N, C-alpha and C. Protein backbone atom coordinates (compact mmCIF):
# COMPACT_ATOMS: atom_id res chain seq x y z
N UNK A 1 -1.86 15.78 3.84
CA UNK A 1 -2.15 15.64 2.67
C UNK A 1 -1.50 14.24 2.24
N UNK A 2 -0.19 13.99 3.29
CA UNK A 2 0.23 12.46 3.24
C UNK A 2 -1.14 11.47 3.53
N UNK A 3 -1.79 11.97 4.11
CA UNK A 3 -2.92 10.95 5.13
C UNK A 3 -3.73 11.03 3.94
N UNK A 4 -4.25 11.74 3.07
CA UNK A 4 -5.23 11.44 2.13
C UNK A 4 -4.34 10.63 0.95
N UNK A 5 -3.16 11.09 0.20
CA UNK A 5 -2.61 9.94 -0.22
C UNK A 5 -2.71 8.56 0.00
N UNK A 6 -2.33 8.49 1.27
CA UNK A 6 -2.32 6.76 2.07
C UNK A 6 -3.24 6.14 2.19
N UNK A 7 -4.31 7.18 2.24
CA UNK A 7 -5.82 6.88 2.68
C UNK A 7 -6.61 6.23 0.90
N UNK A 8 -5.91 7.15 -0.03
CA UNK A 8 -6.32 6.83 -1.05
C UNK A 8 -5.76 5.44 -1.84
N UNK A 9 -4.37 5.34 -1.65
CA UNK A 9 -3.80 4.24 -1.97
C UNK A 9 -4.02 3.05 -1.11
N UNK A 10 -4.70 2.95 0.03
CA UNK A 10 -5.14 1.84 0.96
C UNK A 10 -6.50 1.44 0.19
N UNK A 11 -7.41 2.38 0.13
CA UNK A 11 -8.95 2.25 -0.73
C UNK A 11 -8.73 1.87 -2.22
N UNK A 12 -7.33 1.84 -3.13
CA UNK A 12 -7.04 1.45 -4.06
C UNK A 12 -6.64 -0.27 -4.18
N UNK A 13 -6.10 -0.12 -3.31
CA UNK A 13 -5.57 -1.81 -2.81
C UNK A 13 -6.61 -2.84 -2.40
N UNK A 14 -7.37 -1.81 -1.73
CA UNK A 14 -8.71 -2.75 -1.14
C UNK A 14 -9.64 -2.90 -2.44
N UNK A 15 -9.59 -2.39 -3.22
CA UNK A 15 -10.62 -2.44 -4.46
C UNK A 15 -9.91 -3.13 -5.34
N UNK A 16 -8.47 -3.32 -5.54
CA UNK A 16 -8.03 -4.54 -6.47
C UNK A 16 -8.10 -5.89 -5.48
N UNK A 17 -7.63 -5.56 -4.37
CA UNK A 17 -8.15 -7.29 -3.65
C UNK A 17 -9.59 -7.63 -3.99
N UNK A 18 -10.63 -6.74 -3.83
CA UNK A 18 -11.95 -7.55 -4.31
C UNK A 18 -12.17 -7.46 -5.38
N UNK A 19 -11.53 -7.15 -6.41
CA UNK A 19 -11.76 -7.47 -8.12
C UNK A 19 -11.01 -9.12 -7.78
N UNK A 20 -9.78 -8.64 -7.65
CA UNK A 20 -9.38 -10.41 -7.65
C UNK A 20 -9.81 -11.45 -6.79
N UNK A 21 -10.73 -10.96 -6.23
CA UNK A 21 -11.88 -12.05 -5.01
C UNK A 21 -12.82 -12.44 -5.95
N UNK A 22 -13.23 -11.68 -6.36
CA UNK A 22 -14.46 -11.82 -7.69
C UNK A 22 -14.27 -12.82 -8.68
N UNK A 23 -12.65 -12.52 -9.25
CA UNK A 23 -12.27 -13.51 -10.33
C UNK A 23 -12.27 -14.83 -9.61
N UNK A 24 -11.49 -14.63 -8.18
CA UNK A 24 -11.23 -16.15 -7.83
C UNK A 24 -12.75 -16.82 -7.61
N UNK A 25 -13.65 -15.79 -7.05
CA UNK A 25 -15.04 -16.84 -7.29
C UNK A 25 -15.90 -17.44 -8.19
N UNK A 26 -15.07 -16.42 -9.61
CA UNK A 26 -15.95 -17.01 -10.82
C UNK A 26 -15.09 -17.78 -11.42
N UNK A 27 -14.30 -18.52 -10.78
CA UNK A 27 -13.30 -19.60 -11.26
C UNK A 27 -12.25 -18.98 -12.70
N UNK A 28 -12.13 -17.64 -12.33
CA UNK A 28 -11.45 -17.43 -13.20
C UNK A 28 -9.93 -17.25 -13.36
N UNK A 29 -9.61 -17.07 -11.75
CA UNK A 29 -8.18 -17.55 -11.55
C UNK A 29 -8.34 -18.36 -10.22
N UNK A 30 -6.86 -18.81 -10.11
CA UNK A 30 -7.25 -20.05 -8.65
C UNK A 30 -6.91 -19.01 -7.63
N UNK A 31 -7.05 -20.32 -6.28
CA UNK A 31 -6.87 -19.52 -4.91
C UNK A 31 -5.70 -18.83 -4.62
N UNK A 32 -4.37 -20.04 -5.39
CA UNK A 32 -3.17 -19.46 -5.40
C UNK A 32 -2.89 -18.52 -5.83
N UNK A 33 -3.78 -18.05 -6.94
CA UNK A 33 -3.17 -16.59 -8.11
C UNK A 33 -3.97 -15.56 -7.40
N UNK A 34 -4.91 -15.96 -6.72
CA UNK A 34 -5.40 -14.51 -5.71
C UNK A 34 -4.82 -14.36 -4.79
N UNK A 35 -4.36 -15.44 -4.38
CA UNK A 35 -3.72 -15.14 -2.47
C UNK A 35 -2.20 -14.55 -3.20
N UNK A 36 -1.82 -14.90 -4.29
CA UNK A 36 -0.34 -14.49 -4.64
C UNK A 36 -0.64 -12.92 -5.04
N UNK A 37 -1.62 -12.75 -5.39
CA UNK A 37 -2.21 -10.96 -5.98
C UNK A 37 -2.49 -10.29 -4.61
N UNK A 38 -2.81 -10.84 -3.78
CA UNK A 38 -3.34 -10.41 -2.90
C UNK A 38 -2.08 -9.58 -1.63
N UNK A 39 -1.19 -10.83 -1.67
CA UNK A 39 0.15 -10.55 -0.60
C UNK A 39 0.86 -9.15 -1.73
N UNK A 40 1.01 -9.48 -3.12
CA UNK A 40 1.81 -8.47 -3.62
C UNK A 40 1.15 -6.87 -3.37
N UNK A 41 -0.29 -6.77 -3.26
CA UNK A 41 -0.96 -5.72 -2.86
C UNK A 41 -0.60 -5.09 -1.74
N UNK A 42 -0.63 -6.41 -0.54
CA UNK A 42 -0.36 -5.44 0.41
C UNK A 42 0.81 -5.36 1.03
N UNK A 43 1.66 -6.28 0.39
CA UNK A 43 2.97 -6.01 0.35
C UNK A 43 3.81 -3.78 -0.20
N UNK A 44 2.72 -3.79 -1.26
CA UNK A 44 3.11 -2.56 -2.00
C UNK A 44 2.40 -1.40 -0.79
N UNK A 45 1.51 -2.09 -0.40
CA UNK A 45 0.85 -1.08 0.78
C UNK A 45 1.75 -1.24 1.96
N UNK A 46 2.21 -1.83 2.53
CA UNK A 46 3.33 -1.68 3.27
C UNK A 46 4.51 -1.02 3.32
N UNK A 47 4.90 -1.49 1.76
CA UNK A 47 6.33 -0.35 1.31
C UNK A 47 6.05 0.56 1.37
N UNK A 48 4.65 1.40 0.76
CA UNK A 48 4.41 2.75 0.47
C UNK A 48 4.17 3.53 2.08
N UNK A 49 3.94 2.69 2.74
CA UNK A 49 3.50 3.14 4.28
C UNK A 49 5.39 3.65 4.93
N UNK A 50 6.10 2.45 4.75
CA UNK A 50 7.16 2.19 5.39
C UNK A 50 7.76 3.45 4.82
N UNK A 51 8.28 3.66 3.03
CA UNK A 51 9.02 4.82 2.65
C UNK A 51 8.38 5.84 2.79
N UNK A 52 7.07 6.45 3.01
CA UNK A 52 6.76 7.67 3.59
C UNK A 52 6.82 7.81 5.00
N UNK A 53 6.87 7.00 5.90
CA UNK A 53 7.39 7.21 7.01
C UNK A 53 8.71 7.69 7.43
N UNK A 54 9.37 7.02 6.63
CA UNK A 54 11.04 7.08 6.44
C UNK A 54 11.40 8.27 6.00
N UNK A 55 10.73 8.95 5.22
CA UNK A 55 10.63 10.23 4.14
C UNK A 55 10.68 11.27 5.49
N UNK A 56 9.38 11.07 6.08
CA UNK A 56 8.63 12.02 6.70
C UNK A 56 9.77 12.31 7.90
N UNK A 57 10.53 10.99 8.71
CA UNK A 57 11.23 11.02 9.35
C UNK A 57 12.71 12.20 8.97
N UNK A 58 12.63 11.63 8.17
CA UNK A 58 14.22 12.28 7.34
C UNK A 58 14.07 14.00 7.27
N UNK A 59 12.94 14.24 6.81
CA UNK A 59 12.66 15.53 6.57
C UNK A 59 12.74 16.20 8.08
N UNK A 60 12.05 15.71 9.02
CA UNK A 60 12.45 15.94 9.81
C UNK A 60 13.73 16.35 10.91
N UNK A 61 14.33 15.38 10.63
CA UNK A 61 15.89 15.51 10.96
C UNK A 61 16.43 16.57 10.34
N UNK A 62 16.57 16.45 9.00
CA UNK A 62 16.91 17.61 8.04
C UNK A 62 16.31 19.04 8.57
N UNK A 63 15.51 19.36 8.83
CA UNK A 63 14.80 20.65 9.39
C UNK A 63 15.63 20.70 10.73
N UNK A 64 15.65 19.97 11.64
CA UNK A 64 16.33 19.95 13.02
C UNK A 64 17.71 20.39 12.76
N UNK A 65 18.09 19.87 12.11
CA UNK A 65 19.86 20.12 11.86
C UNK A 65 19.92 21.41 11.28
N UNK A 66 19.33 22.05 10.40
CA UNK A 66 19.24 23.06 9.76
C UNK A 66 19.18 24.28 10.69
N UNK A 67 17.83 23.98 11.40
CA UNK A 67 17.58 25.28 12.18
C UNK A 67 17.56 24.91 13.55
N UNK A 68 18.69 24.86 14.41
CA UNK A 68 18.55 24.45 15.50
C UNK A 68 17.93 25.02 16.81
């Protein structure tokens, strides 16, 4: 189930990056603005994956401690 959430988040961020790339191509935003938004979205994705990997390892550890 977490992989479904992660893949949806990844697709969502990829779609957002595409949207901003199109705005850049149309001259609506600058290259700098595009790169800032892209980096923000990539960092959000990386944080999301980091957070969930930590939560998974915490829950596994807690389970092992409770059930030796």
